[in-house]
Amino acid sequence: MANLKPIIILATMLLAVVMLWQVASITGFLTEELVPANVTIGNVAPTVDSVTCSSGVSDHLITPAPCQNTTVNCWALVTDLNGVEDLTLVSGYLAAGSIGIKGGCQNVEVPGYCHRNFNCTTYSAVNSTTRNYTCTFNTFRYWAQLVYPNWSAAIEANDSETSYRRLSNNTEQIENLTAIDMTETFLSFGTMSLGQTTSNDSEVNSTIENCGNWIMNVNVSGTDLPCSDQGTIPVGNLRYNETPGSEYENDTALTTSSTKIPTFYFNSPFDYVGYATDDEPALGYGLDQISWQLRIPATGVKGLCAGNITFYAIRV
């Protein structure tokens, strides 16, 4: 009987374990239980890559249009690893050299020096974390190279808490532009008599505007002036001078060959000053005049006499 005692004790213990397991199954103890777990993901600043500007088909090249503003687009890849929906604002800057980007361009826009777009809303989606944004600048001045031939661009991306700015990896180059515009559509000396010569107080002015972005000379050539009723006024009877009030005998005779107007040129960097405030150039600042006088032959001409004068912009 004594040998049976350990066996009885072990059987009793096993029976107790079985009974406890059954009770636990009935009451709910030792079944699966949901324990919440959480983690906070910190905000990541957006990044900007591949900043590029262009006014046409060539990257990093801006081609100004004569005497008018040019539209320039700058674009970049903006990535926010928290998702592009986290982006709150994308801004663009386009400035002469790098001065405007690092300094005043953030605070004030100066035509010909610094352009800003504080809200670039045009983009194409690349994926859930990246967009290709375009910042447009509609008022790029045609004379901008008079300030700096090379410009820089920057795109700044902001999300809910942080911002990130990236300068262009390449210099944005301004293409050379040589162009002029004449204010007068024709030069009229009115009615004159045989043998008459205009005086220095009745000369006719032609106004020339620098529509380009660098130093240039101006050449001129002309034709004879055939008359409707009789004869022709020779081309050399038309004379010009860059100094108003000059006497006819001291002026330069027009020829049929392209000839540089003596001492007349548009200089840099001085001639852009008149543009910088309102884009309306003043005499001496991107705008200048040539004075013309005419001598009528003493005989052999009658009626309306008309010819052509051609002006040439010659880049220095």
C-alpha atoms as a PDB file:
ATOM      1  CA  MET A   1       0.000   0.000   0.000  1.00  0.00           C
ATOM      2  CA  ALA A   2       2.909   2.224   0.773  1.00  0.00           C
ATOM      3  CA  ASN A   3       4.160   1.749  -2.797  1.00  0.00           C
ATOM      4  CA  LEU A   4       0.884   2.999  -4.177  1.00  0.00           C
ATOM      5  CA  LYS A   5       1.001   6.308  -2.293  1.00  0.00           C
ATOM      6  CA  PRO A   6       3.267   8.201  -4.743  1.00  0.00           C
ATOM      7  CA  ILE A   7       1.203   6.997  -7.675  1.00  0.00           C
ATOM      8  CA  ILE A   8      -2.016   8.202  -6.038  1.00  0.00           C
ATOM      9  CA  ILE A   9      -0.462  11.628  -5.310  1.00  0.00           C
ATOM     10  CA  LEU A  10       0.722  12.036  -8.947  1.00  0.00           C
ATOM     11  CA  ALA A  11      -2.653  11.058 -10.335  1.00  0.00           C
ATOM     12  CA  THR A  12      -4.361  13.530  -8.037  1.00  0.00           C
ATOM     13  CA  MET A  13      -2.098  16.350  -9.268  1.00  0.00           C
ATOM     14  CA  LEU A  14      -2.758  15.550 -12.923  1.00  0.00           C
ATOM     15  CA  LEU A  15      -6.487  15.501 -12.271  1.00  0.00           C
ATOM     16  CA  ALA A  16      -6.233  18.922 -10.617  1.00  0.00           C
ATOM     17  CA  VAL A  17      -4.409  20.387 -13.619  1.00  0.00           C
ATOM     18  CA  VAL A  18      -7.034  19.025 -16.008  1.00  0.00           C
ATOM     19  CA  MET A  19      -9.830  20.476 -13.923  1.00  0.00           C
ATOM     20  CA  LEU A  20      -8.114  23.911 -13.742  1.00  0.00           C
ATOM     21  CA  TRP A  21      -7.686  23.976 -17.562  1.00  0.00           C
ATOM     22  CA  GLN A  22     -11.337  23.165 -18.051  1.00  0.00           C
ATOM     23  CA  VAL A  23     -12.393  25.895 -15.613  1.00  0.00           C
ATOM     24  CA  ALA A  24     -10.114  28.422 -17.381  1.00  0.00           C
ATOM     25  CA  SER A  25     -11.619  27.562 -20.748  1.00  0.00           C
ATOM     26  CA  ILE A  26     -15.121  28.087 -19.358  1.00  0.00           C
ATOM     27  CA  THR A  27     -14.399  31.399 -17.556  1.00  0.00           C
ATOM     28  CA  GLY A  28     -12.252  33.023 -20.319  1.00  0.00           C
ATOM     29  CA  PHE A  29      -8.874  33.041 -18.670  1.00  0.00           C
ATOM     30  CA  LEU A  30      -5.823  32.148 -20.792  1.00  0.00           C
ATOM     31  CA  THR A  31      -7.607  32.955 -24.121  1.00  0.00           C
ATOM     32  CA  GLU A  32      -6.186  35.482 -26.699  1.00  0.00           C
ATOM     33  CA  GLU A  33      -6.127  39.123 -25.577  1.00  0.00           C
ATOM     34  CA  LEU A  34      -5.576  42.331 -27.714  1.00  0.00           C
ATOM     35  CA  VAL A  35      -2.803  44.598 -26.389  1.00  0.00           C
ATOM     36  CA  PRO A  36      -2.541  48.019 -28.228  1.00  0.00           C
ATOM     37  CA  ALA A  37       0.870  49.164 -29.511  1.00  0.00           C
ATOM     38  CA  ASN A  38       1.747  52.602 -30.991  1.00  0.00           C
ATOM     39  CA  VAL A  39       4.632  54.710 -32.241  1.00  0.00           C
ATOM     40  CA  THR A  40       4.915  58.390 -33.330  1.00  0.00           C
ATOM     41  CA  ILE A  41       6.537  59.121 -36.726  1.00  0.00           C
ATOM     42  CA  GLY A  42       8.412  62.405 -36.779  1.00  0.00           C
ATOM     43  CA  ASN A  43       8.031  64.925 -39.603  1.00  0.00           C
ATOM     44  CA  VAL A  44      10.664  64.836 -42.345  1.00  0.00           C
ATOM     45  CA  ALA A  45      11.558  68.025 -44.193  1.00  0.00           C
ATOM     46  CA  PRO A  46      10.811  67.975 -47.938  1.00  0.00           C
ATOM     47  CA  THR A  47      13.739  67.902 -50.342  1.00  0.00           C
ATOM     48  CA  VAL A  48      14.225  69.662 -53.682  1.00  0.00           C
ATOM     49  CA  ASP A  49      16.320  68.326 -56.543  1.00  0.00           C
ATOM     50  CA  SER A  50      17.102  69.017 -60.208  1.00  0.00           C
ATOM     51  CA  VAL A  51      16.279  72.733 -60.314  1.00  0.00           C
ATOM     52  CA  THR A  52      16.180  73.855 -63.967  1.00  0.00           C
ATOM     53  CA  CYS A  53      15.030  77.011 -65.762  1.00  0.00           C
ATOM     54  CA  SER A  54      14.238  77.759 -69.400  1.00  0.00           C
ATOM     55  CA  SER A  55      12.259  80.101 -71.623  1.00  0.00           C
ATOM     56  CA  GLY A  56      12.052  77.568 -74.435  1.00  0.00           C
ATOM     57  CA  VAL A  57      13.384  74.187 -75.420  1.00  0.00           C
ATOM     58  CA  SER A  58      16.921  74.379 -73.982  1.00  0.00           C
ATOM     59  CA  ASP A  59      17.525  73.771 -70.288  1.00  0.00           C
ATOM     60  CA  HIS A  60      19.348  76.459 -68.320  1.00  0.00           C
ATOM     61  CA  LEU A  61      18.993  78.934 -71.204  1.00  0.00           C
ATOM     62  CA  ILE A  62      16.780  82.033 -71.167  1.00  0.00           C
ATOM     63  CA  THR A  63      16.125  83.678 -74.541  1.00  0.00           C
ATOM     64  CA  PRO A  64      14.721  87.205 -74.117  1.00  0.00           C
ATOM     65  CA  ALA A  65      12.321  88.712 -76.648  1.00  0.00           C
ATOM     66  CA  PRO A  66      13.099  92.152 -78.155  1.00  0.00           C
ATOM     67  CA  CYS A  67      11.556  95.041 -76.230  1.00  0.00           C
ATOM     68  CA  GLN A  68       9.127  92.857 -74.275  1.00  0.00           C
ATOM     69  CA  ASN A  69       8.964  90.623 -71.248  1.00  0.00           C
ATOM     70  CA  THR A  70       9.710  86.917 -71.493  1.00  0.00           C
ATOM     71  CA  THR A  71       8.077  84.055 -69.605  1.00  0.00           C
ATOM     72  CA  VAL A  72      10.584  81.855 -67.783  1.00  0.00           C
ATOM     73  CA  ASN A  73       9.693  78.535 -66.166  1.00  0.00           C
ATOM     74  CA  CYS A  74      11.768  76.956 -63.411  1.00  0.00           C
ATOM     75  CA  TRP A  75      10.970  73.450 -62.276  1.00  0.00           C
ATOM     76  CA  ALA A  76      12.239  70.936 -59.720  1.00  0.00           C
ATOM     77  CA  LEU A  77      11.491  67.573 -58.174  1.00  0.00           C
ATOM     78  CA  VAL A  78      10.007  68.056 -54.704  1.00  0.00           C
ATOM     79  CA  THR A  79       9.943  65.024 -52.424  1.00  0.00           C
ATOM     80  CA  ASP A  80       8.275  64.661 -49.042  1.00  0.00           C
ATOM     81  CA  LEU A  81       8.748  61.206 -47.540  1.00  0.00           C
ATOM     82  CA  ASN A  82       5.749  61.851 -45.297  1.00  0.00           C
ATOM     83  CA  GLY A  83       3.675  62.061 -48.486  1.00  0.00           C
ATOM     84  CA  VAL A  84       3.157  64.929 -50.929  1.00  0.00           C
ATOM     85  CA  GLU A  85      -0.161  65.810 -49.286  1.00  0.00           C
ATOM     86  CA  ASP A  86       1.948  67.140 -46.423  1.00  0.00           C
ATOM     87  CA  LEU A  87       3.361  69.909 -48.658  1.00  0.00           C
ATOM     88  CA  THR A  88       1.909  73.322 -47.821  1.00  0.00           C
ATOM     89  CA  LEU A  89       3.788  75.756 -50.081  1.00  0.00           C
ATOM     90  CA  VAL A  90       6.339  75.720 -52.905  1.00  0.00           C
ATOM     91  CA  SER A  91       8.044  79.013 -53.843  1.00  0.00           C
ATOM     92  CA  GLY A  92      10.487  80.010 -56.573  1.00  0.00           C
ATOM     93  CA  TYR A  93      13.196  82.638 -56.935  1.00  0.00           C
ATOM     94  CA  LEU A  94      15.070  83.770 -60.053  1.00  0.00           C
ATOM     95  CA  ALA A  95      17.790  86.366 -59.568  1.00  0.00           C
ATOM     96  CA  ALA A  96      20.833  87.974 -61.145  1.00  0.00           C
ATOM     97  CA  GLY A  97      23.962  86.124 -60.081  1.00  0.00           C
ATOM     98  CA  SER A  98      23.342  84.682 -56.643  1.00  0.00           C
ATOM     99  CA  ILE A  99      22.903  88.015 -54.855  1.00  0.00           C
ATOM    100  CA  GLY A 100      19.119  88.039 -54.928  1.00  0.00           C
ATOM    101  CA  ILE A 101      18.802  84.424 -53.842  1.00  0.00           C
ATOM    102  CA  LYS A 102      20.953  84.929 -50.764  1.00  0.00           C
ATOM    103  CA  GLY A 103      19.783  88.417 -49.918  1.00  0.00           C
ATOM    104  CA  GLY A 104      17.087  90.877 -50.871  1.00  0.00           C
ATOM    105  CA  CYS A 105      15.253  88.677 -53.365  1.00  0.00           C
ATOM    106  CA  GLN A 106      13.412  87.087 -50.479  1.00  0.00           C
ATOM    107  CA  ASN A 107      12.077  90.475 -49.394  1.00  0.00           C
ATOM    108  CA  VAL A 108      11.511  92.546 -52.523  1.00  0.00           C
ATOM    109  CA  GLU A 109      11.136  92.022 -56.264  1.00  0.00           C
ATOM    110  CA  VAL A 110      13.215  94.315 -58.487  1.00  0.00           C
ATOM    111  CA  PRO A 111      12.629  94.117 -62.249  1.00  0.00           C
ATOM    112  CA  GLY A 112      15.748  93.000 -64.045  1.00  0.00           C
ATOM    113  CA  TYR A 113      17.415  91.781 -60.847  1.00  0.00           C
ATOM    114  CA  CYS A 114      15.090  89.522 -58.939  1.00  0.00           C
ATOM    115  CA  HIS A 115      11.821  87.722 -59.633  1.00  0.00           C
ATOM    116  CA  ARG A 116       9.708  85.751 -57.170  1.00  0.00           C
ATOM    117  CA  ASN A 117       6.748  83.400 -57.224  1.00  0.00           C
ATOM    118  CA  PHE A 118       5.548  82.791 -53.697  1.00  0.00           C
ATOM    119  CA  ASN A 119       2.964  80.181 -54.641  1.00  0.00           C
ATOM    120  CA  CYS A 120       3.900  77.688 -57.352  1.00  0.00           C
ATOM    121  CA  THR A 121       0.793  75.565 -57.801  1.00  0.00           C
ATOM    122  CA  THR A 122       1.544  73.852 -61.111  1.00  0.00           C
ATOM    123  CA  TYR A 123       2.854  70.323 -60.724  1.00  0.00           C
ATOM    124  CA  SER A 124       2.711  66.823 -62.105  1.00  0.00           C
ATOM    125  CA  ALA A 125       2.654  63.837 -59.782  1.00  0.00           C
ATOM    126  CA  VAL A 126       5.553  61.394 -60.001  1.00  0.00           C
ATOM    127  CA  ASN A 127       4.438  59.125 -57.151  1.00  0.00           C
ATOM    128  CA  SER A 128       2.936  59.401 -53.674  1.00  0.00           C
ATOM    129  CA  THR A 129       6.025  61.140 -52.288  1.00  0.00           C
ATOM    130  CA  THR A 130       7.318  63.186 -55.271  1.00  0.00           C
ATOM    131  CA  ARG A 131       5.950  65.936 -57.517  1.00  0.00           C
ATOM    132  CA  ASN A 132       7.523  67.859 -60.382  1.00  0.00           C
ATOM    133  CA  TYR A 133       6.716  71.513 -59.596  1.00  0.00           C
ATOM    134  CA  THR A 134       6.884  74.425 -62.069  1.00  0.00           C
ATOM    135  CA  CYS A 135       7.344  78.042 -60.964  1.00  0.00           C
ATOM    136  CA  THR A 136       6.497  80.612 -63.647  1.00  0.00           C
ATOM    137  CA  PHE A 137       7.937  84.125 -63.941  1.00  0.00           C
ATOM    138  CA  ASN A 138       6.097  86.226 -66.542  1.00  0.00           C
ATOM    139  CA  THR A 139       8.032  89.493 -66.354  1.00  0.00           C
ATOM    140  CA  PHE A 140      11.635  88.585 -67.177  1.00  0.00           C
ATOM    141  CA  ARG A 141      13.064  91.780 -68.729  1.00  0.00           C
ATOM    142  CA  TYR A 142      14.647  91.729 -72.176  1.00  0.00           C
ATOM    143  CA  TRP A 143      17.579  93.855 -70.972  1.00  0.00           C
ATOM    144  CA  ALA A 144      18.412  91.625 -68.000  1.00  0.00           C
ATOM    145  CA  GLN A 145      21.876  90.649 -69.259  1.00  0.00           C
ATOM    146  CA  LEU A 146      22.915  94.265 -68.844  1.00  0.00           C
ATOM    147  CA  VAL A 147      22.965  93.444 -65.129  1.00  0.00           C
ATOM    148  CA  TYR A 148      24.417  89.911 -65.117  1.00  0.00           C
ATOM    149  CA  PRO A 149      24.853  87.433 -67.982  1.00  0.00           C
ATOM    150  CA  ASN A 150      24.314  84.523 -65.581  1.00  0.00           C
ATOM    151  CA  TRP A 151      21.426  84.086 -63.181  1.00  0.00           C
ATOM    152  CA  SER A 152      20.578  81.570 -60.483  1.00  0.00           C
ATOM    153  CA  ALA A 153      17.341  79.949 -59.428  1.00  0.00           C
ATOM    154  CA  ALA A 154      16.043  78.410 -56.227  1.00  0.00           C
ATOM    155  CA  ILE A 155      12.967  76.396 -55.338  1.00  0.00           C
ATOM    156  CA  GLU A 156      11.795  76.254 -51.729  1.00  0.00           C
ATOM    157  CA  ALA A 157       9.423  73.587 -50.436  1.00  0.00           C
ATOM    158  CA  ASN A 158       7.536  73.813 -47.147  1.00  0.00           C
ATOM    159  CA  ASP A 159       5.487  71.256 -45.312  1.00  0.00           C
ATOM    160  CA  SER A 160       3.506  71.553 -42.086  1.00  0.00           C
ATOM    161  CA  GLU A 161       6.560  72.098 -39.900  1.00  0.00           C
ATOM    162  CA  THR A 162       9.761  72.543 -41.901  1.00  0.00           C
ATOM    163  CA  SER A 163      11.113  73.966 -45.143  1.00  0.00           C
ATOM    164  CA  TYR A 164      13.922  73.164 -47.542  1.00  0.00           C
ATOM    165  CA  ARG A 165      15.529  75.247 -50.287  1.00  0.00           C
ATOM    166  CA  ARG A 166      17.692  74.073 -53.149  1.00  0.00           C
ATOM    167  CA  LEU A 167      19.670  76.257 -55.533  1.00  0.00           C
ATOM    168  CA  SER A 168      19.928  75.321 -59.173  1.00  0.00           C
ATOM    169  CA  ASN A 169      22.803  72.976 -59.871  1.00  0.00           C
ATOM    170  CA  ASN A 170      23.575  74.945 -63.034  1.00  0.00           C
ATOM    171  CA  THR A 171      23.852  78.607 -63.932  1.00  0.00           C
ATOM    172  CA  GLU A 172      20.873  79.948 -65.829  1.00  0.00           C
ATOM    173  CA  GLN A 173      22.394  81.695 -68.847  1.00  0.00           C
ATOM    174  CA  ILE A 174      20.859  84.681 -70.612  1.00  0.00           C
ATOM    175  CA  GLU A 175      21.169  84.491 -74.380  1.00  0.00           C
ATOM    176  CA  ASN A 176      22.626  87.453 -76.238  1.00  0.00           C
ATOM    177  CA  LEU A 177      20.022  89.715 -77.793  1.00  0.00           C
ATOM    178  CA  THR A 178      20.842  92.470 -80.273  1.00  0.00           C
ATOM    179  CA  ALA A 179      17.798  94.423 -81.438  1.00  0.00           C
ATOM    180  CA  ILE A 180      16.545  97.964 -81.944  1.00  0.00           C
ATOM    181  CA  ASP A 181      13.165  99.572 -82.472  1.00  0.00           C
ATOM    182  CA  MET A 182      12.326 102.838 -84.180  1.00  0.00           C
ATOM    183  CA  THR A 183       9.716 105.039 -82.556  1.00  0.00           C
ATOM    184  CA  GLU A 184       8.850 106.888 -85.777  1.00  0.00           C
ATOM    185  CA  THR A 185       7.279 104.911 -88.604  1.00  0.00           C
ATOM    186  CA  PHE A 186       8.427 107.490 -91.160  1.00  0.00           C
ATOM    187  CA  LEU A 187      10.344 110.781 -91.318  1.00  0.00           C
ATOM    188  CA  SER A 188       8.503 113.701 -92.865  1.00  0.00           C
ATOM    189  CA  PHE A 189      10.145 116.971 -93.864  1.00  0.00           C
ATOM    190  CA  GLY A 190       6.804 118.420 -94.905  1.00  0.00           C
ATOM    191  CA  THR A 191       6.691 120.776 -97.897  1.00  0.00           C
ATOM    192  CA  MET A 192       9.950 122.321 -99.086  1.00  0.00           C
ATOM    193  CA  SER A 193      10.959 124.539-102.017  1.00  0.00           C
ATOM    194  CA  LEU A 194      13.563 124.046-104.733  1.00  0.00           C
ATOM    195  CA  GLY A 195      17.040 124.758-103.376  1.00  0.00           C
ATOM    196  CA  GLN A 196      15.841 124.850 -99.785  1.00  0.00           C
ATOM    197  CA  THR A 197      17.840 123.294 -96.904  1.00  0.00           C
ATOM    198  CA  THR A 198      16.433 122.486 -93.500  1.00  0.00           C
ATOM    199  CA  SER A 199      17.874 124.521 -90.651  1.00  0.00           C
ATOM    200  CA  ASN A 200      19.046 123.240 -87.291  1.00  0.00           C
ATOM    201  CA  ASP A 201      15.734 124.272 -85.752  1.00  0.00           C
ATOM    202  CA  SER A 202      13.652 122.360 -88.346  1.00  0.00           C
ATOM    203  CA  GLU A 203      15.585 119.088 -88.349  1.00  0.00           C
ATOM    204  CA  VAL A 204      13.696 115.787 -88.028  1.00  0.00           C
ATOM    205  CA  ASN A 205      14.576 113.285 -85.319  1.00  0.00           C
ATOM    206  CA  SER A 206      14.512 109.490 -85.488  1.00  0.00           C
ATOM    207  CA  THR A 207      14.288 107.843 -82.066  1.00  0.00           C
ATOM    208  CA  ILE A 208      16.130 104.545 -81.598  1.00  0.00           C
ATOM    209  CA  GLU A 209      15.456 102.188 -78.690  1.00  0.00           C
ATOM    210  CA  ASN A 210      17.847  99.488 -77.531  1.00  0.00           C
ATOM    211  CA  CYS A 211      15.641  96.377 -77.484  1.00  0.00           C
ATOM    212  CA  GLY A 212      18.540  94.078 -76.652  1.00  0.00           C
ATOM    213  CA  ASN A 213      20.735  93.359 -73.682  1.00  0.00           C
ATOM    214  CA  TRP A 214      24.270  94.490 -74.398  1.00  0.00           C
ATOM    215  CA  ILE A 215      26.554  97.075 -75.987  1.00  0.00           C
ATOM    216  CA  MET A 216      25.796  97.864 -79.611  1.00  0.00           C
ATOM    217  CA  ASN A 217      26.627 100.311 -82.373  1.00  0.00           C
ATOM    218  CA  VAL A 218      24.022 101.517 -84.855  1.00  0.00           C
ATOM    219  CA  ASN A 219      24.700 101.639 -88.583  1.00  0.00           C
ATOM    220  CA  VAL A 220      22.594 103.325 -91.221  1.00  0.00           C
ATOM    221  CA  SER A 221      22.153 103.244 -95.002  1.00  0.00           C
ATOM    222  CA  GLY A 222      19.637 104.704 -97.431  1.00  0.00           C
ATOM    223  CA  THR A 223      18.324 105.068-100.947  1.00  0.00           C
ATOM    224  CA  ASP A 224      17.705 107.912-103.357  1.00  0.00           C
ATOM    225  CA  LEU A 225      14.362 109.685-103.068  1.00  0.00           C
ATOM    226  CA  PRO A 226      12.588 109.456-106.464  1.00  0.00           C
ATOM    227  CA  CYS A 227       9.871 112.065-106.942  1.00  0.00           C
ATOM    228  CA  SER A 228       6.340 111.342-108.154  1.00  0.00           C
ATOM    229  CA  ASP A 229       6.267 114.072-110.823  1.00  0.00           C
ATOM    230  CA  GLN A 230       9.861 114.659-111.828  1.00  0.00           C
ATOM    231  CA  GLY A 231      13.435 113.843-110.858  1.00  0.00           C
ATOM    232  CA  THR A 232      15.179 112.258-107.879  1.00  0.00           C
ATOM    233  CA  ILE A 233      16.788 113.634-104.737  1.00  0.00           C
ATOM    234  CA  PRO A 234      20.211 111.929-104.299  1.00  0.00           C
ATOM    235  CA  VAL A 235      20.668 109.848-101.147  1.00  0.00           C
ATOM    236  CA  GLY A 236      23.584 112.050-100.035  1.00  0.00           C
ATOM    237  CA  ASN A 237      21.292 115.080 -99.745  1.00  0.00           C
ATOM    238  CA  LEU A 238      19.988 113.448 -96.565  1.00  0.00           C
ATOM    239  CA  ARG A 239      22.422 114.121 -93.715  1.00  0.00           C
ATOM    240  CA  TYR A 240      22.429 113.022 -90.082  1.00  0.00           C
ATOM    241  CA  ASN A 241      24.098 113.882 -86.817  1.00  0.00           C
ATOM    242  CA  GLU A 242      23.925 112.387 -83.325  1.00  0.00           C
ATOM    243  CA  THR A 243      24.085 115.912 -81.860  1.00  0.00           C
ATOM    244  CA  PRO A 244      20.811 117.856 -82.253  1.00  0.00           C
ATOM    245  CA  GLY A 245      21.206 121.410 -83.509  1.00  0.00           C
ATOM    246  CA  SER A 246      24.146 120.752 -85.810  1.00  0.00           C
ATOM    247  CA  GLU A 247      24.524 122.705 -89.024  1.00  0.00           C
ATOM    248  CA  TYR A 248      23.812 120.879 -92.307  1.00  0.00           C
ATOM    249  CA  GLU A 249      27.378 121.292 -93.556  1.00  0.00           C
ATOM    250  CA  ASN A 250      28.692 119.534 -90.442  1.00  0.00           C
ATOM    251  CA  ASP A 251      26.379 116.531 -90.721  1.00  0.00           C
ATOM    252  CA  THR A 252      27.239 113.129 -92.235  1.00  0.00           C
ATOM    253  CA  ALA A 253      25.847 112.373 -95.689  1.00  0.00           C
ATOM    254  CA  LEU A 254      23.737 109.222 -95.963  1.00  0.00           C
ATOM    255  CA  THR A 255      25.063 106.549 -98.358  1.00  0.00           C
ATOM    256  CA  THR A 256      23.747 103.345 -99.844  1.00  0.00           C
ATOM    257  CA  SER A 257      26.264 101.345 -97.773  1.00  0.00           C
ATOM    258  CA  SER A 258      25.832 100.398 -94.123  1.00  0.00           C
ATOM    259  CA  THR A 259      27.880 102.942 -92.177  1.00  0.00           C
ATOM    260  CA  LYS A 260      28.388 103.323 -88.444  1.00  0.00           C
ATOM    261  CA  ILE A 261      26.852 106.443 -86.981  1.00  0.00           C
ATOM    262  CA  PRO A 262      29.891 108.231 -85.478  1.00  0.00           C
ATOM    263  CA  THR A 263      30.092 108.211 -81.664  1.00  0.00           C
ATOM    264  CA  PHE A 264      26.546 106.776 -81.421  1.00  0.00           C
ATOM    265  CA  TYR A 265      26.235 103.573 -79.417  1.00  0.00           C
ATOM    266  CA  PHE A 266      24.332 101.978 -76.580  1.00  0.00           C
ATOM    267  CA  ASN A 267      26.679 101.300 -73.695  1.00  0.00           C
ATOM    268  CA  SER A 268      26.576  98.942 -70.719  1.00  0.00           C
ATOM    269  CA  PRO A 269      26.089  98.812 -67.814  1.00  0.00           C
ATOM    270  CA  PHE A 270      24.863 102.410 -67.853  1.00  0.00           C
ATOM    271  CA  ASP A 271      22.067 102.286 -70.418  1.00  0.00           C
ATOM    272  CA  TYR A 272      19.849  99.942 -68.413  1.00  0.00           C
ATOM    273  CA  VAL A 273      19.277 102.460 -65.622  1.00  0.00           C
ATOM    274  CA  GLY A 274      16.261 104.017 -67.306  1.00  0.00           C
ATOM    275  CA  TYR A 275      14.519 100.654 -67.466  1.00  0.00           C
ATOM    276  CA  ALA A 276      14.939  99.633 -63.865  1.00  0.00           C
ATOM    277  CA  THR A 277      11.966 101.499 -62.421  1.00  0.00           C
ATOM    278  CA  ASP A 278       9.134 101.376 -64.925  1.00  0.00           C
ATOM    279  CA  ASP A 279      10.516  99.884 -68.161  1.00  0.00           C
ATOM    280  CA  GLU A 280      10.009 103.231 -69.880  1.00  0.00           C
ATOM    281  CA  PRO A 281      13.475 104.248 -71.095  1.00  0.00           C
ATOM    282  CA  ALA A 282      14.523 107.887 -71.181  1.00  0.00           C
ATOM    283  CA  LEU A 283      16.880 109.615 -73.589  1.00  0.00           C
ATOM    284  CA  GLY A 284      20.389 108.509 -72.762  1.00  0.00           C
ATOM    285  CA  TYR A 285      19.146 105.338 -71.067  1.00  0.00           C
ATOM    286  CA  GLY A 286      18.318 102.763 -73.700  1.00  0.00           C
ATOM    287  CA  LEU A 287      16.754 105.456 -75.900  1.00  0.00           C
ATOM    288  CA  ASP A 288      18.501 107.966 -78.150  1.00  0.00           C
ATOM    289  CA  GLN A 289      17.942 110.118 -81.226  1.00  0.00           C
ATOM    290  CA  ILE A 290      19.522 110.866 -84.588  1.00  0.00           C
ATOM    291  CA  SER A 291      18.827 114.269 -86.173  1.00  0.00           C
ATOM    292  CA  TRP A 292      18.217 114.532 -89.932  1.00  0.00           C
ATOM    293  CA  GLN A 293      18.402 117.420 -92.386  1.00  0.00           C
ATOM    294  CA  LEU A 294      17.658 117.573 -96.115  1.00  0.00           C
ATOM    295  CA  ARG A 295      18.744 119.742 -99.035  1.00  0.00           C
ATOM    296  CA  ILE A 296      16.452 119.990-102.077  1.00  0.00           C
ATOM    297  CA  PRO A 297      18.147 120.322-105.488  1.00  0.00           C
ATOM    298  CA  ALA A 298      17.769 123.750-107.118  1.00  0.00           C
ATOM    299  CA  THR A 299      16.160 122.233-110.241  1.00  0.00           C
ATOM    300  CA  GLY A 300      14.703 119.060-111.703  1.00  0.00           C
ATOM    301  CA  VAL A 301      12.505 117.704-108.915  1.00  0.00           C
ATOM    302  CA  LYS A 302       8.776 117.957-108.259  1.00  0.00           C
ATOM    303  CA  GLY A 303       6.074 116.101-106.368  1.00  0.00           C
ATOM    304  CA  LEU A 304       6.263 113.648-103.474  1.00  0.00           C
ATOM    305  CA  CYS A 305       9.841 112.383-103.107  1.00  0.00           C
ATOM    306  CA  ALA A 306      10.252 109.253-100.997  1.00  0.00           C
ATOM    307  CA  GLY A 307      13.039 106.795-100.190  1.00  0.00           C
ATOM    308  CA  ASN A 308      14.086 104.454 -97.380  1.00  0.00           C
ATOM    309  CA  ILE A 309      16.490 104.627 -94.450  1.00  0.00           C
ATOM    310  CA  THR A 310      17.679 101.361 -92.904  1.00  0.00           C
ATOM    311  CA  PHE A 311      19.043 101.115 -89.350  1.00  0.00           C
ATOM    312  CA  TYR A 312      21.240  98.210 -88.254  1.00  0.00           C
ATOM    313  CA  ALA A 313      21.944  97.005 -84.699  1.00  0.00           C
ATOM    314  CA  ILE A 314      25.596  95.918 -84.551  1.00  0.00           C
ATOM    315  CA  ARG A 315      26.606  94.017 -81.406  1.00  0.00           C
ATOM    316  CA  VAL A 316      30.042  95.030 -80.086  1.00  0.00           C
END
